[in-house]
Amino acid sequence: MYDDGTIHIEKDDQCFTCEHFAKGVSCPLLEAMAVGVVQLQQDITVKNCGFYKEFKRHLSVVENRHTDGSGDTPPGTTAAGS
């Protein structure tokens, strides 16, 4: 994390996997920096934030219901493209 007039989160920061940052929810640490309660004196890597809540993505594989190939072309077109 570094500050050059705006706060920048780097890939090494814990913020990337935090629920506050990932969902766009207001992060208490970033909010404190934005209003000037906390000042960043030098570049830091956030590794042990007290506000951290792990953000878990829940992805699953969706089965393709078109087994005859009819789902391969956009509506209104044919397989030949005409």
C-alpha atoms as a PDB file:
ATOM      1  CA  MET A   1       0.000   0.000   0.000  1.00  0.00           C
ATOM      2  CA  TYR A   2       1.312   3.433  -0.834  1.00  0.00           C
ATOM      3  CA  ASP A   3       0.003   6.986  -0.954  1.00  0.00           C
ATOM      4  CA  ASP A   4       0.770   9.609  -3.589  1.00  0.00           C
ATOM      5  CA  GLY A   5      -2.323  11.725  -3.011  1.00  0.00           C
ATOM      6  CA  THR A   6      -4.510   8.633  -3.408  1.00  0.00           C
ATOM      7  CA  ILE A   7      -4.172   5.280  -1.674  1.00  0.00           C
ATOM      8  CA  HIS A   8      -3.002   2.358  -3.817  1.00  0.00           C
ATOM      9  CA  ILE A   9      -3.480  -1.305  -2.860  1.00  0.00           C
ATOM     10  CA  GLU A  10      -0.835  -3.690  -4.161  1.00  0.00           C
ATOM     11  CA  LYS A  11      -1.214  -7.415  -4.895  1.00  0.00           C
ATOM     12  CA  ASP A  12       0.916  -8.358  -1.870  1.00  0.00           C
ATOM     13  CA  ASP A  13      -1.440  -6.562   0.521  1.00  0.00           C
ATOM     14  CA  GLN A  14      -3.893  -8.577   2.600  1.00  0.00           C
ATOM     15  CA  CYS A  15      -6.577  -6.172   1.318  1.00  0.00           C
ATOM     16  CA  PHE A  16      -6.917  -8.152  -1.948  1.00  0.00           C
ATOM     17  CA  THR A  17      -8.573 -11.076  -0.150  1.00  0.00           C
ATOM     18  CA  CYS A  18     -10.503  -8.968   2.370  1.00  0.00           C
ATOM     19  CA  GLU A  19     -14.297  -8.825   2.317  1.00  0.00           C
ATOM     20  CA  HIS A  20     -14.272  -5.059   2.948  1.00  0.00           C
ATOM     21  CA  PHE A  21     -12.162  -4.390  -0.152  1.00  0.00           C
ATOM     22  CA  ALA A  22     -13.490  -7.118  -2.491  1.00  0.00           C
ATOM     23  CA  LYS A  23     -17.183  -6.334  -2.046  1.00  0.00           C
ATOM     24  CA  GLY A  24     -16.721  -2.570  -2.130  1.00  0.00           C
ATOM     25  CA  VAL A  25     -17.766  -2.309   1.496  1.00  0.00           C
ATOM     26  CA  SER A  26     -16.258   0.575   3.398  1.00  0.00           C
ATOM     27  CA  CYS A  27     -12.926  -0.542   4.877  1.00  0.00           C
ATOM     28  CA  PRO A  28     -12.255   0.997   8.319  1.00  0.00           C
ATOM     29  CA  LEU A  29      -8.495   1.265   7.643  1.00  0.00           C
ATOM     30  CA  LEU A  30      -8.853   2.902   4.219  1.00  0.00           C
ATOM     31  CA  GLU A  31     -11.623   5.157   5.505  1.00  0.00           C
ATOM     32  CA  ALA A  32      -9.396   6.334   8.391  1.00  0.00           C
ATOM     33  CA  MET A  33      -6.630   7.152   5.895  1.00  0.00           C
ATOM     34  CA  ALA A  34      -9.047   8.987   3.598  1.00  0.00           C
ATOM     35  CA  VAL A  35     -10.308  11.323   6.345  1.00  0.00           C
ATOM     36  CA  GLY A  36      -6.817  11.884   7.783  1.00  0.00           C
ATOM     37  CA  VAL A  37      -7.200  10.061  11.115  1.00  0.00           C
ATOM     38  CA  VAL A  38      -4.342   7.747  10.076  1.00  0.00           C
ATOM     39  CA  GLN A  39      -1.423   8.858   7.925  1.00  0.00           C
ATOM     40  CA  LEU A  40       0.777   6.599   5.842  1.00  0.00           C
ATOM     41  CA  GLN A  41       4.404   7.710   6.341  1.00  0.00           C
ATOM     42  CA  GLN A  42       6.008   5.241   3.935  1.00  0.00           C
ATOM     43  CA  ASP A  43       5.118   2.304   1.706  1.00  0.00           C
ATOM     44  CA  ILE A  44       3.802  -0.660   3.705  1.00  0.00           C
ATOM     45  CA  THR A  45       2.568  -4.149   2.977  1.00  0.00           C
ATOM     46  CA  VAL A  46      -0.623  -4.938   4.875  1.00  0.00           C
ATOM     47  CA  LYS A  47      -0.170  -8.418   6.355  1.00  0.00           C
ATOM     48  CA  ASN A  48      -1.955  -8.440   9.725  1.00  0.00           C
ATOM     49  CA  CYS A  49      -4.899  -6.014   9.638  1.00  0.00           C
ATOM     50  CA  GLY A  50      -7.252  -6.123  12.615  1.00  0.00           C
ATOM     51  CA  PHE A  51     -10.228  -5.380  10.352  1.00  0.00           C
ATOM     52  CA  TYR A  52      -9.489  -8.284   7.975  1.00  0.00           C
ATOM     53  CA  LYS A  53     -12.358 -10.617   7.046  1.00  0.00           C
ATOM     54  CA  GLU A  54     -11.542 -13.269   4.455  1.00  0.00           C
ATOM     55  CA  PHE A  55     -13.564 -12.998   1.261  1.00  0.00           C
ATOM     56  CA  LYS A  56     -14.352 -16.422  -0.180  1.00  0.00           C
ATOM     57  CA  ARG A  57     -15.573 -16.720  -3.734  1.00  0.00           C
ATOM     58  CA  HIS A  58     -18.188 -19.397  -4.283  1.00  0.00           C
ATOM     59  CA  LEU A  59     -17.961 -20.542  -7.892  1.00  0.00           C
ATOM     60  CA  SER A  60     -19.432 -23.690  -9.326  1.00  0.00           C
ATOM     61  CA  VAL A  61     -19.425 -25.407 -12.704  1.00  0.00           C
ATOM     62  CA  VAL A  62     -22.692 -24.966 -14.607  1.00  0.00           C
ATOM     63  CA  GLU A  63     -23.752 -27.885 -16.756  1.00  0.00           C
ATOM     64  CA  ASN A  64     -24.326 -27.140 -20.452  1.00  0.00           C
ATOM     65  CA  ARG A  65     -27.959 -28.042 -21.187  1.00  0.00           C
ATOM     66  CA  HIS A  66     -27.541 -27.857 -24.996  1.00  0.00           C
ATOM     67  CA  THR A  67     -26.239 -31.282 -25.992  1.00  0.00           C
ATOM     68  CA  ASP A  68     -27.349 -31.057 -29.633  1.00  0.00           C
ATOM     69  CA  GLY A  69     -25.129 -28.075 -30.498  1.00  0.00           C
ATOM     70  CA  SER A  70     -28.087 -25.683 -30.753  1.00  0.00           C
ATOM     71  CA  GLY A  71     -26.597 -23.421 -28.085  1.00  0.00           C
ATOM     72  CA  ASP A  72     -23.458 -22.685 -30.108  1.00  0.00           C
ATOM     73  CA  THR A  73     -24.871 -19.936 -32.351  1.00  0.00           C
ATOM     74  CA  PRO A  74     -26.373 -16.587 -31.375  1.00  0.00           C
ATOM     75  CA  PRO A  75     -30.159 -16.258 -31.738  1.00  0.00           C
ATOM     76  CA  GLY A  76     -31.301 -15.233 -35.234  1.00  0.00           C
ATOM     77  CA  THR A  77     -28.324 -16.756 -37.072  1.00  0.00           C
ATOM     78  CA  THR A  78     -27.612 -20.155 -38.492  1.00  0.00           C
ATOM     79  CA  ALA A  79     -24.509 -22.286 -38.147  1.00  0.00           C
ATOM     80  CA  ALA A  80     -23.419 -21.179 -41.646  1.00  0.00           C
ATOM     81  CA  GLY A  81     -23.481 -17.520 -40.521  1.00  0.00           C
ATOM     82  CA  SER A  82     -26.304 -16.383 -42.836  1.00  0.00           C
END
